[in-house]
């Protein structure tokens, strides 16, 4: 677990080369991913999770995704051997999104499971010197706003600074503990709490409430400015403000929808997520079919163009290549969705 860009998927790719690694600010991991690996002689499963700063999904959607997987594993008696929380050592300060992810992590996991947590620092090559990195690491370990409280309760700090070798050491450490852990959110939902009543759910709602209040204040200010623009007969300014107001109102509407989506129990969440995944697979299958038809038509047009105009034929060939790449990506997404639909049983899982 960790923020977008902390190296979660890169970490897993050391064990499962098929994991798709992102190289920008957009989140590559949008759903929970399950990757089989062998460490020593033991088969394990590594669970890749989206961060709570996802560029394409709300915190509510991310929490629903993670909670549903954890609930399913709890029902199937699949327990975690440990949790790896990744943090970029190159960040010279703890950003707002990093603090939010850390708070969510604490609420999801709970104090009782912290002895099965590894706090790993990544991207040591990005710091000016090892000494500066060590100073930042020391602050993380000793500052109670950051990791000190977790270290006091048994969490261990590792450096993920040597690629596959250090990643393997981290996983081997967790597996060697021979512990199995149930997270707080799993206990809470198994005992009948709805998602919004869990510790993690309350954390998300507190964040949503702060955002809602900010949006409402901005909306009130906009209404005043729009009234002034009307009085001054400033049509252009009024139209620009109206567009901004529509955007804010849409955000407030999505906020209400997110709150409704949090009011679900364990079984209702499972049913909803199953329906969402089925819809996702159907949509991806439709897109793949449409792309295959377009590829067929482009191939036909390309053959016709080659006999008439070389430049047009080259353009068509380029369009065909791009479309084939998109079709390959859609097929990969469809395969991933189908794999996620089938719960995998394992003797050992690391999140």
Protein backbone atom coordinates (compact mmCIF):
# COMPACT_ATOMS: atom_id res chain seq x y z
CA UNK A 1 0.00 0.00 0.00
CA UNK A 2 1.03 3.65 -0.34
CA UNK A 3 0.52 6.77 -2.44
CA UNK A 4 0.46 6.79 -6.24
CA UNK A 5 4.04 6.63 -7.49
CA UNK A 6 5.52 5.16 -4.29
CA UNK A 7 6.51 2.02 -6.18
CA UNK A 8 3.80 -0.51 -5.25
CA UNK A 9 3.50 -2.11 -8.68
CA UNK A 10 7.26 -1.89 -9.24
CA UNK A 11 7.75 -3.79 -5.97
CA UNK A 12 5.36 -6.52 -7.10
CA UNK A 13 6.95 -6.69 -10.57
CA UNK A 14 10.12 -8.06 -8.93
CA UNK A 15 8.08 -11.20 -8.18
CA UNK A 16 5.48 -11.06 -10.97
CA UNK A 17 7.01 -9.56 -14.15
CA UNK A 18 3.57 -9.17 -15.74
CA UNK A 19 2.58 -6.38 -13.32
CA UNK A 20 2.04 -3.15 -15.29
CA UNK A 21 4.22 -0.33 -13.94
CA UNK A 22 3.22 3.32 -14.31
CA UNK A 23 5.72 6.10 -15.00
CA UNK A 24 3.65 9.25 -14.51
CA UNK A 25 1.44 10.93 -11.95
CA UNK A 26 -1.65 8.99 -13.04
CA UNK A 27 -2.46 5.90 -11.04
CA UNK A 28 -1.58 2.68 -12.87
CA UNK A 29 -3.28 0.43 -10.30
CA UNK A 30 -7.01 1.22 -10.39
CA UNK A 31 -8.23 -2.06 -8.92
CA UNK A 32 -6.96 -4.61 -6.45
CA UNK A 33 -4.53 -6.88 -8.31
CA UNK A 34 -3.57 -10.42 -7.27
CA UNK A 35 -0.14 -11.71 -8.33
CA UNK A 36 1.13 -15.23 -7.67
CA UNK A 37 4.81 -15.70 -6.78
CA UNK A 38 7.15 -18.24 -5.23
CA UNK A 39 9.43 -17.14 -2.38
CA UNK A 40 11.79 -19.85 -1.22
CA UNK A 41 9.67 -22.94 -1.63
CA UNK A 42 6.42 -21.27 -0.68
CA UNK A 43 3.76 -20.07 -3.08
CA UNK A 44 2.42 -16.68 -2.05
CA UNK A 45 0.07 -14.05 -3.43
CA UNK A 46 0.97 -10.37 -3.56
CA UNK A 47 -1.98 -7.98 -3.42
CA UNK A 48 -1.56 -4.66 -5.26
CA UNK A 49 -3.96 -1.94 -4.10
CA UNK A 50 -4.82 1.52 -5.45
CA UNK A 51 -3.84 4.49 -3.30
CA UNK A 52 -6.22 6.96 -1.68
CA UNK A 53 -4.97 9.67 -4.04
CA UNK A 54 -6.12 7.87 -7.18
CA UNK A 55 -6.22 10.16 -10.21
CA UNK A 56 -9.32 8.54 -11.71
CA UNK A 57 -11.41 7.36 -8.77
CA UNK A 58 -12.79 8.86 -5.59
CA UNK A 59 -11.61 7.73 -2.15
CA UNK A 60 -15.05 6.15 -1.72
CA UNK A 61 -14.59 3.96 -4.80
CA UNK A 62 -11.08 2.97 -3.72
CA UNK A 63 -12.28 2.06 -0.22
CA UNK A 64 -15.18 0.02 -1.64
CA UNK A 65 -12.74 -1.86 -3.89
CA UNK A 66 -10.23 -2.61 -1.12
CA UNK A 67 -12.90 -3.43 1.49
CA UNK A 68 -14.70 -5.80 -0.87
CA UNK A 69 -11.52 -7.76 -1.55
CA UNK A 70 -10.68 -7.91 2.16
CA UNK A 71 -14.23 -9.06 2.96
CA UNK A 72 -14.05 -11.78 0.29
CA UNK A 73 -10.70 -13.02 1.60
CA UNK A 74 -12.08 -13.03 5.17
CA UNK A 75 -15.10 -15.14 4.13
CA UNK A 76 -12.80 -17.54 2.26
CA UNK A 77 -10.51 -17.81 5.32
CA UNK A 78 -7.61 -16.27 3.40
CA UNK A 79 -5.45 -14.40 5.89
CA UNK A 80 -2.64 -11.95 5.27
CA UNK A 81 0.94 -12.78 6.23
CA UNK A 82 1.72 -9.08 6.33
CA UNK A 83 1.35 -5.64 4.81
CA UNK A 84 4.03 -3.56 3.07
CA UNK A 85 3.53 0.23 3.18
CA UNK A 86 5.77 2.07 0.69
CA UNK A 87 6.95 5.68 0.94
CA UNK A 88 9.26 7.65 -1.38
CA UNK A 89 12.36 8.64 0.59
CA UNK A 90 13.00 11.36 -2.01
CA UNK A 91 10.00 13.39 -0.77
CA UNK A 92 11.54 16.05 1.48
CA UNK A 93 8.25 16.57 3.27
CA UNK A 94 5.12 14.54 3.93
CA UNK A 95 2.54 15.83 1.42
CA UNK A 96 -1.18 16.14 2.11
CA UNK A 97 -1.93 13.07 -0.01
CA UNK A 98 0.80 11.09 1.78
CA UNK A 99 -0.63 12.04 5.19
CA UNK A 100 -4.13 11.09 4.03
CA UNK A 101 -2.91 7.71 2.78
CA UNK A 102 -1.10 7.11 6.06
CA UNK A 103 -4.23 7.93 8.11
CA UNK A 104 -6.34 5.64 5.92
CA UNK A 105 -3.75 2.89 6.28
CA UNK A 106 -3.85 3.12 10.08
CA UNK A 107 -7.66 2.99 10.12
CA UNK A 108 -7.83 0.05 7.68
CA UNK A 109 -5.20 -2.02 9.44
CA UNK A 110 -5.76 -1.20 13.12
CA UNK A 111 -3.26 -1.32 15.98
CA UNK A 112 -3.50 -5.09 16.53
CA UNK A 113 -2.08 -5.83 13.07
CA UNK A 114 0.82 -3.36 13.14
CA UNK A 115 3.32 -6.04 14.18
CA UNK A 116 2.79 -7.56 10.71
CA UNK A 117 3.56 -4.30 8.88
CA UNK A 118 6.75 -3.39 7.03
CA UNK A 119 7.26 0.32 6.40
CA UNK A 120 9.53 0.47 3.36
CA UNK A 121 11.26 3.52 1.89
CA UNK A 122 11.70 3.55 -1.89
CA UNK A 123 13.54 5.52 -4.58
CA UNK A 124 16.79 6.04 -2.71
CA UNK A 125 18.45 6.98 -6.00
CA UNK A 126 16.39 10.21 -5.97
CA UNK A 127 17.96 11.65 -2.79
CA UNK A 128 21.06 13.87 -3.10
CA UNK A 129 23.04 11.69 -0.68
CA UNK A 130 22.65 8.60 1.49
CA UNK A 131 23.17 10.82 4.56
CA UNK A 132 20.23 13.04 3.62
CA UNK A 133 18.08 9.97 2.96
CA UNK A 134 19.06 8.53 6.34
CA UNK A 135 18.07 11.80 8.04
CA UNK A 136 14.63 11.67 6.39
CA UNK A 137 14.28 8.01 7.35
CA UNK A 138 15.13 8.88 10.98
CA UNK A 139 12.44 11.58 11.00
CA UNK A 140 9.85 9.12 9.66
CA UNK A 141 10.76 6.60 12.38
CA UNK A 142 10.81 9.08 15.29
CA UNK A 143 8.08 11.63 14.45
CA UNK A 144 4.75 10.60 15.99
CA UNK A 145 2.88 12.29 13.15
CA UNK A 146 4.51 9.81 10.78
CA UNK A 147 5.68 6.29 11.69
CA UNK A 148 6.80 6.45 15.33
CA UNK A 149 3.47 5.19 16.71
CA UNK A 150 3.47 2.22 14.34
CA UNK A 151 7.10 1.37 15.11
CA UNK A 152 6.23 1.40 18.83
CA UNK A 153 3.54 -1.21 18.13
CA UNK A 154 5.83 -3.57 16.24
CA UNK A 155 6.07 -2.28 12.66
CA UNK A 156 9.54 -2.66 11.12
CA UNK A 157 11.30 -0.23 8.75
CA UNK A 158 13.13 -1.56 5.68
CA UNK A 159 14.88 0.13 2.78
CA UNK A 160 13.61 -0.92 -0.64
CA UNK A 161 16.86 0.27 -2.22
CA UNK A 162 18.26 -2.73 -4.08
CA UNK A 163 15.54 -3.73 -6.52
CA UNK A 164 14.54 -7.39 -6.49
CA UNK A 165 17.03 -8.29 -3.74
CA UNK A 166 15.63 -5.90 -1.12
CA UNK A 167 12.04 -6.64 -2.19
CA UNK A 168 12.69 -10.35 -1.61
CA UNK A 169 14.20 -9.65 1.81
CA UNK A 170 11.06 -7.74 2.83
CA UNK A 171 8.67 -10.51 1.76
CA UNK A 172 10.88 -13.22 3.26
CA UNK A 173 10.86 -11.34 6.57
CA UNK A 174 7.05 -11.22 6.64
CA UNK A 175 6.63 -14.86 5.62
CA UNK A 176 9.20 -15.97 8.22
CA UNK A 177 7.16 -14.37 11.02
CA UNK A 178 4.60 -17.15 10.50
CA UNK A 179 1.82 -14.82 11.60
CA UNK A 180 -1.59 -14.41 10.03
CA UNK A 181 -3.40 -11.16 10.51
CA UNK A 182 -6.99 -9.94 10.25
CA UNK A 183 -7.36 -6.22 9.67
CA UNK A 184 -9.64 -3.92 11.66
CA UNK A 185 -11.95 -3.26 8.70
CA UNK A 186 -12.43 -7.02 8.23
CA UNK A 187 -13.44 -7.45 11.88
CA UNK A 188 -15.74 -4.41 11.74
CA UNK A 189 -17.68 -5.44 8.63
CA UNK A 190 -17.85 -9.12 9.66
CA UNK A 191 -19.43 -7.92 12.91
CA UNK A 192 -22.19 -6.07 11.05
CA UNK A 193 -20.91 -2.53 10.57
CA UNK A 194 -21.68 -0.78 7.32
CA UNK A 195 -18.74 0.68 5.41
CA UNK A 196 -19.47 4.23 6.58
CA UNK A 197 -19.45 3.02 10.20
CA UNK A 198 -15.97 1.48 10.00
CA UNK A 199 -12.88 3.38 11.16
CA UNK A 200 -11.68 3.72 7.57
CA UNK A 201 -15.15 4.80 6.43
CA UNK A 202 -15.30 7.53 9.06
CA UNK A 203 -11.88 8.76 7.92
CA UNK A 204 -13.09 9.03 4.32
CA UNK A 205 -16.25 10.82 5.44
CA UNK A 206 -14.24 13.35 7.46
CA UNK A 207 -12.24 14.14 4.33
CA UNK A 208 -15.45 14.36 2.28
CA UNK A 209 -17.02 16.71 4.83
CA UNK A 210 -14.05 19.10 4.64
CA UNK A 211 -14.22 19.10 0.83
CA UNK A 212 -18.01 19.63 0.89
CA UNK A 213 -17.71 22.64 3.20
CA UNK A 214 -15.04 24.13 0.93
CA UNK A 215 -17.23 23.61 -2.15
CA UNK A 216 -20.24 25.17 -0.40
CA UNK A 217 -18.19 28.23 0.57
CA UNK A 218 -16.95 28.58 -3.02
CA UNK A 219 -20.53 28.22 -4.30
CA UNK A 220 -21.80 30.96 -1.96
CA UNK A 221 -19.01 33.27 -3.13
CA UNK A 222 -19.81 32.51 -6.77
CA UNK A 223 -23.48 33.37 -6.30
CA UNK A 224 -22.49 36.78 -4.96
CA UNK A 225 -20.15 37.37 -7.91
CA UNK A 226 -22.84 36.27 -10.37
CA UNK A 227 -25.34 38.69 -8.84
CA UNK A 228 -22.78 41.49 -9.23
CA UNK A 229 -22.13 40.50 -12.87
CA UNK A 230 -25.88 40.55 -13.59
CA UNK A 231 -26.24 43.97 -12.01
CA UNK A 232 -23.35 45.26 -14.14
CA UNK A 233 -24.84 43.62 -17.27
CA UNK A 234 -21.55 41.75 -17.70
CA UNK A 235 -22.83 38.81 -19.73
CA UNK A 236 -19.46 37.18 -20.42
CA UNK A 237 -18.38 37.13 -16.76
CA UNK A 238 -21.82 35.85 -15.75
CA UNK A 239 -21.56 32.95 -18.24
CA UNK A 240 -18.05 32.06 -17.07
CA UNK A 241 -19.18 32.06 -13.43
CA UNK A 242 -22.24 29.98 -14.34
CA UNK A 243 -19.94 27.32 -15.85
CA UNK A 244 -17.84 27.26 -12.66
CA UNK A 245 -21.02 27.01 -10.57
CA UNK A 246 -22.26 24.06 -12.64
CA UNK A 247 -18.94 22.30 -12.03
CA UNK A 248 -19.15 22.90 -8.26
CA UNK A 249 -22.75 21.71 -8.13
CA UNK A 250 -21.72 18.54 -9.99
CA UNK A 251 -18.98 17.95 -7.41
CA UNK A 252 -21.48 18.35 -4.56
CA UNK A 253 -23.83 15.92 -6.32
CA UNK A 254 -21.02 13.35 -6.65
CA UNK A 255 -20.24 13.89 -2.97
CA UNK A 256 -23.84 12.96 -2.05
CA UNK A 257 -23.64 9.89 -4.30
CA UNK A 258 -20.38 8.82 -2.66
CA UNK A 259 -21.97 9.11 0.78
CA UNK A 260 -24.83 6.86 -0.34
CA UNK A 261 -22.33 4.32 -1.72
CA UNK A 262 -20.70 4.10 1.72
CA UNK A 263 -23.93 3.00 3.42
CA UNK A 264 -23.50 -0.69 2.59
CA UNK A 265 -22.92 -3.80 4.62
CA UNK A 266 -20.61 -6.69 3.76
CA UNK A 267 -23.08 -8.68 1.63
CA UNK A 268 -24.62 -5.66 -0.11
CA UNK A 269 -21.13 -4.41 -1.03
CA UNK A 270 -20.28 -7.81 -2.50
CA UNK A 271 -23.43 -7.85 -4.64
CA UNK A 272 -22.84 -4.30 -5.86
CA UNK A 273 -19.16 -4.92 -6.68
CA UNK A 274 -20.01 -8.17 -8.52
CA UNK A 275 -22.51 -6.23 -10.64
CA UNK A 276 -19.98 -3.45 -11.28
CA UNK A 277 -17.31 -5.95 -12.32
CA UNK A 278 -19.73 -7.78 -14.63
CA UNK A 279 -20.69 -4.45 -16.22
CA UNK A 280 -17.00 -3.56 -16.59
CA UNK A 281 -16.24 -6.87 -18.33
CA UNK A 282 -19.20 -6.42 -20.69
CA UNK A 283 -18.12 -2.87 -21.57
CA UNK A 284 -14.55 -3.99 -22.21
CA UNK A 285 -15.73 -6.90 -24.35
CA UNK A 286 -17.89 -4.49 -26.39
CA UNK A 287 -14.96 -2.10 -26.86
CA UNK A 288 -12.73 -4.98 -27.96
CA UNK A 289 -15.31 -6.15 -30.52
CA UNK A 290 -15.73 -2.62 -31.89
CA UNK A 291 -11.97 -2.18 -32.20
CA UNK A 292 -11.60 -5.51 -34.02
CA UNK A 293 -14.24 -4.37 -36.53
CA UNK A 294 -12.42 -1.06 -37.03
CA UNK A 295 -9.13 -2.91 -37.53
CA UNK A 296 -10.73 -5.11 -40.20
CA UNK A 297 -12.14 -2.05 -42.00
CA UNK A 298 -8.83 -0.18 -41.80
CA UNK A 299 -6.97 -3.15 -43.27
CA UNK A 300 -9.41 -3.19 -46.17
CA UNK A 301 -9.00 0.58 -46.71
CA UNK A 302 -5.22 0.27 -46.46
CA UNK A 303 -5.06 -2.27 -49.27
CA UNK A 304 -7.21 -0.01 -51.44
CA UNK A 305 -5.08 3.07 -50.69
CA UNK A 306 -1.79 1.32 -51.51
CA UNK A 307 -2.86 1.07 -55.12
CA UNK A 308 -3.69 4.78 -55.37
CA UNK A 309 -1.70 6.99 -53.02
CA UNK A 310 1.43 6.05 -51.04
CA UNK A 311 1.12 8.95 -48.52
CA UNK A 312 -2.50 8.10 -47.69
CA UNK A 313 -1.52 4.46 -47.34
CA UNK A 314 1.19 5.34 -44.82
CA UNK A 315 -1.31 7.36 -42.75
CA UNK A 316 -3.75 4.44 -42.79
CA UNK A 317 -0.95 2.07 -41.75
CA UNK A 318 -0.13 4.32 -38.78
CA UNK A 319 -3.82 4.49 -37.76
CA UNK A 320 -4.00 0.70 -37.98
CA UNK A 321 -0.93 0.25 -35.77
CA UNK A 322 -2.31 2.59 -33.09
CA UNK A 323 -5.70 0.88 -33.18
CA UNK A 324 -4.10 -2.55 -32.83
CA UNK A 325 -2.20 -1.32 -29.76
CA UNK A 326 -5.45 -0.05 -28.23
CA UNK A 327 -7.14 -3.37 -28.98
CA UNK A 328 -4.28 -5.24 -27.28
CA UNK A 329 -4.67 -3.01 -24.21
CA UNK A 330 -8.43 -3.65 -24.09
CA UNK A 331 -7.87 -7.41 -24.36
CA UNK A 332 -5.40 -7.20 -21.47
CA UNK A 333 -7.91 -5.23 -19.36
CA UNK A 334 -10.60 -7.81 -20.12
CA UNK A 335 -8.31 -10.64 -19.03
CA UNK A 336 -7.48 -8.78 -15.80
CA UNK A 337 -11.19 -8.21 -15.08
CA UNK A 338 -11.93 -11.91 -15.62
CA UNK A 339 -9.10 -12.95 -13.30
CA UNK A 340 -10.32 -10.55 -10.61
CA UNK A 341 -13.81 -12.02 -10.85
CA UNK A 342 -12.46 -15.42 -9.74
CA UNK A 343 -11.35 -15.29 -6.11
CA UNK A 344 -8.01 -17.00 -5.69
CA UNK A 345 -7.42 -19.10 -2.58
CA UNK A 346 -3.93 -18.96 -1.14
CA UNK A 347 -2.02 -20.19 1.88
CA UNK A 348 -0.14 -16.92 2.20
CA UNK A 349 -0.90 -13.38 1.01
CA UNK A 350 1.09 -10.17 1.36
CA UNK A 351 -0.65 -6.84 0.80
